Amino acid sequence: MRPASSLGSTICTVSATSPLRILVYSDNAKTRQDVMLALGKRVHPDLPELSYVEVATGPVVIQQVDAGGIDLAILDGEATPTGGMGIAKQLKDEIAQGPPVVVLTGRRDDAWLANWSRAEASVPQPIDPIRLSRTVLELLRPPVH
């Protein structure tokens, strides 16, 4: 997994006025809530506000991303019965222009699994709001030329 400071190479196109749509997947409602509370309404003044698409099942993640309009997906690697790492790999294998993906891992040592899934970044649980916000910001902020 690349360090957060080098993640800026994967970006999405951002409109200055429309909210960024963040898909948050976990079978655990508390995990979804923790992610949304950690990120809040805006991760940086230069970026639009965030809107959230909460998803509790794997098939709905695939449907939502395949339908388009998702700017970033945050997937719980510990979700059951379908873990976020497997979903991340499926998204990367099947959807050519999919959004960047952050996988929430059960432990810091699981970053290699997130790397296998081809996710752009991983963040260990319990969620550190500063680390998650920095990671998301690096993936959403346009590169400086």
Protein backbone atom coordinates (compact mmCIF):
# COMPACT_ATOMS: atom_id res chain seq x y z
CA MET A 1 0.00 0.00 0.00
CA ARG A 2 1.36 3.39 -0.90
CA PRO A 3 1.76 5.97 1.85
CA ALA A 4 -1.06 8.50 2.07
CA SER A 5 1.23 11.26 0.82
CA SER A 6 1.61 9.52 -2.56
CA LEU A 7 -2.05 8.72 -3.12
CA GLY A 8 -2.76 11.90 -5.08
CA SER A 9 -2.13 10.14 -8.39
CA THR A 10 -5.59 8.55 -8.22
CA ILE A 11 -8.22 11.23 -8.40
CA CYS A 12 -11.76 11.76 -9.48
CA THR A 13 -13.19 14.69 -11.37
CA VAL A 14 -14.78 17.07 -8.90
CA SER A 15 -17.36 19.75 -9.58
CA ALA A 16 -17.06 22.78 -7.33
CA THR A 17 -20.79 22.84 -6.58
CA SER A 18 -22.18 19.32 -6.53
CA PRO A 19 -21.60 17.23 -3.40
CA LEU A 20 -19.10 14.40 -3.53
CA ARG A 21 -20.86 11.05 -3.23
CA ILE A 22 -19.10 8.72 -0.82
CA LEU A 23 -20.27 5.11 -0.70
CA VAL A 24 -19.79 3.64 2.78
CA TYR A 25 -20.13 -0.14 2.96
CA SER A 26 -20.33 -2.23 6.12
CA ASP A 27 -22.75 -4.77 7.48
CA ASN A 28 -22.30 -2.95 10.80
CA ALA A 29 -24.33 0.27 11.10
CA LYS A 30 -21.94 1.58 13.78
CA THR A 31 -18.96 1.24 11.44
CA ARG A 32 -20.83 3.17 8.74
CA GLN A 33 -21.73 5.84 11.30
CA ASP A 34 -18.11 6.02 12.55
CA VAL A 35 -16.87 6.65 8.99
CA MET A 36 -19.43 9.37 8.34
CA LEU A 37 -18.76 11.07 11.68
CA ALA A 38 -15.00 10.90 11.09
CA LEU A 39 -15.30 12.61 7.70
CA GLY A 40 -18.12 15.01 8.52
CA LYS A 41 -19.72 17.23 5.90
CA ARG A 42 -16.50 18.45 4.28
CA VAL A 43 -12.92 17.13 4.41
CA HIS A 44 -11.34 20.34 3.08
CA PRO A 45 -12.51 23.89 2.26
CA ASP A 46 -11.36 23.48 -1.37
CA LEU A 47 -13.63 20.48 -1.91
CA PRO A 48 -17.43 20.29 -2.13
CA GLU A 49 -19.51 18.92 0.72
CA LEU A 50 -19.82 15.18 1.12
CA SER A 51 -22.99 13.18 0.70
CA TYR A 52 -23.12 9.56 1.79
CA VAL A 53 -24.58 6.44 0.26
CA GLU A 54 -24.83 3.88 3.06
CA VAL A 55 -24.75 0.26 1.91
CA ALA A 56 -25.06 -2.86 4.08
CA THR A 57 -24.73 -5.65 1.48
CA GLY A 58 -22.12 -6.56 -1.12
CA PRO A 59 -24.44 -6.85 -4.14
CA VAL A 60 -25.77 -3.33 -3.55
CA VAL A 61 -22.20 -1.96 -3.53
CA ILE A 62 -21.65 -3.42 -7.00
CA GLN A 63 -25.01 -2.04 -8.23
CA GLN A 64 -24.34 1.45 -6.87
CA VAL A 65 -20.81 1.69 -8.28
CA ASP A 66 -21.86 0.18 -11.62
CA ALA A 67 -24.65 2.79 -11.88
CA GLY A 68 -22.02 5.56 -11.63
CA GLY A 69 -21.93 8.81 -9.72
CA ILE A 70 -19.88 7.51 -6.78
CA ASP A 71 -16.75 9.61 -6.19
CA LEU A 72 -15.14 7.35 -3.57
CA ALA A 73 -15.95 3.99 -1.99
CA ILE A 74 -15.02 3.15 1.60
CA LEU A 75 -15.37 -0.59 2.18
CA ASP A 76 -15.23 -2.47 5.47
CA GLY A 77 -12.74 -5.29 5.03
CA GLU A 78 -14.24 -7.02 8.07
CA ALA A 79 -17.85 -7.02 6.80
CA THR A 80 -19.68 -10.33 6.55
CA PRO A 81 -20.64 -12.33 4.63
CA THR A 82 -18.90 -10.34 1.88
CA GLY A 83 -15.75 -8.52 2.96
CA GLY A 84 -14.75 -5.18 1.53
CA MET A 85 -11.43 -6.50 0.19
CA GLY A 86 -13.18 -9.02 -2.03
CA ILE A 87 -15.62 -6.35 -3.20
CA ALA A 88 -12.73 -3.95 -3.91
CA LYS A 89 -11.02 -6.59 -6.06
CA GLN A 90 -14.26 -7.31 -7.91
CA LEU A 91 -14.83 -3.59 -8.56
CA LYS A 92 -11.29 -3.14 -9.89
CA ASP A 93 -11.59 -6.26 -12.09
CA GLU A 94 -15.06 -5.49 -13.49
CA ILE A 95 -15.57 -1.71 -13.62
CA ALA A 96 -13.09 0.13 -15.83
CA GLN A 97 -13.70 3.69 -14.63
CA GLY A 98 -14.68 2.98 -11.04
CA PRO A 99 -14.05 5.31 -8.12
CA PRO A 100 -11.01 5.16 -5.86
CA VAL A 101 -11.43 2.67 -3.01
CA VAL A 102 -10.41 2.82 0.65
CA VAL A 103 -10.54 -0.46 2.56
CA LEU A 104 -10.98 -0.46 6.33
CA THR A 105 -8.80 -3.23 7.70
CA GLY A 106 -9.14 -5.08 10.98
CA ARG A 107 -5.50 -4.40 11.86
CA ARG A 108 -2.60 -2.37 10.53
CA ASP A 109 -0.86 -5.62 9.51
CA ASP A 110 -3.69 -6.37 7.05
CA ALA A 111 -2.59 -3.59 4.67
CA TRP A 112 -1.05 -6.23 2.37
CA LEU A 113 -4.52 -7.74 1.88
CA ALA A 114 -5.91 -4.34 0.93
CA ASN A 115 -3.02 -4.02 -1.52
CA TRP A 116 -3.98 -7.39 -3.03
CA SER A 117 -7.53 -6.07 -3.50
CA ARG A 118 -6.10 -3.20 -5.61
CA ALA A 119 -7.66 -0.59 -3.32
CA GLU A 120 -5.94 2.77 -3.57
CA ALA A 121 -5.61 3.00 0.22
CA SER A 122 -6.31 1.25 3.49
CA VAL A 123 -7.04 2.57 6.97
CA PRO A 124 -6.95 0.29 10.03
CA GLN A 125 -9.77 0.05 12.54
CA PRO A 126 -10.61 1.45 14.98
CA ILE A 127 -11.06 4.45 12.74
CA ASP A 128 -8.75 7.40 13.37
CA PRO A 129 -10.69 10.43 12.03
CA ILE A 130 -7.51 12.34 11.14
CA ARG A 131 -5.95 9.44 9.23
CA LEU A 132 -9.18 8.63 7.40
CA SER A 133 -9.75 12.30 6.48
CA ARG A 134 -6.19 12.70 5.17
CA THR A 135 -6.47 9.52 3.12
CA VAL A 136 -9.81 10.58 1.63
CA LEU A 137 -8.50 14.07 0.91
CA GLU A 138 -5.48 12.68 -0.96
CA LEU A 139 -7.77 10.58 -3.14
CA LEU A 140 -10.30 13.33 -3.89
CA ARG A 141 -8.09 16.40 -4.26
CA PRO A 142 -7.02 17.20 -7.83
CA PRO A 143 -3.26 17.02 -8.36
CA VAL A 144 -1.21 20.21 -8.21
CA HIS A 145 0.46 20.98 -11.55
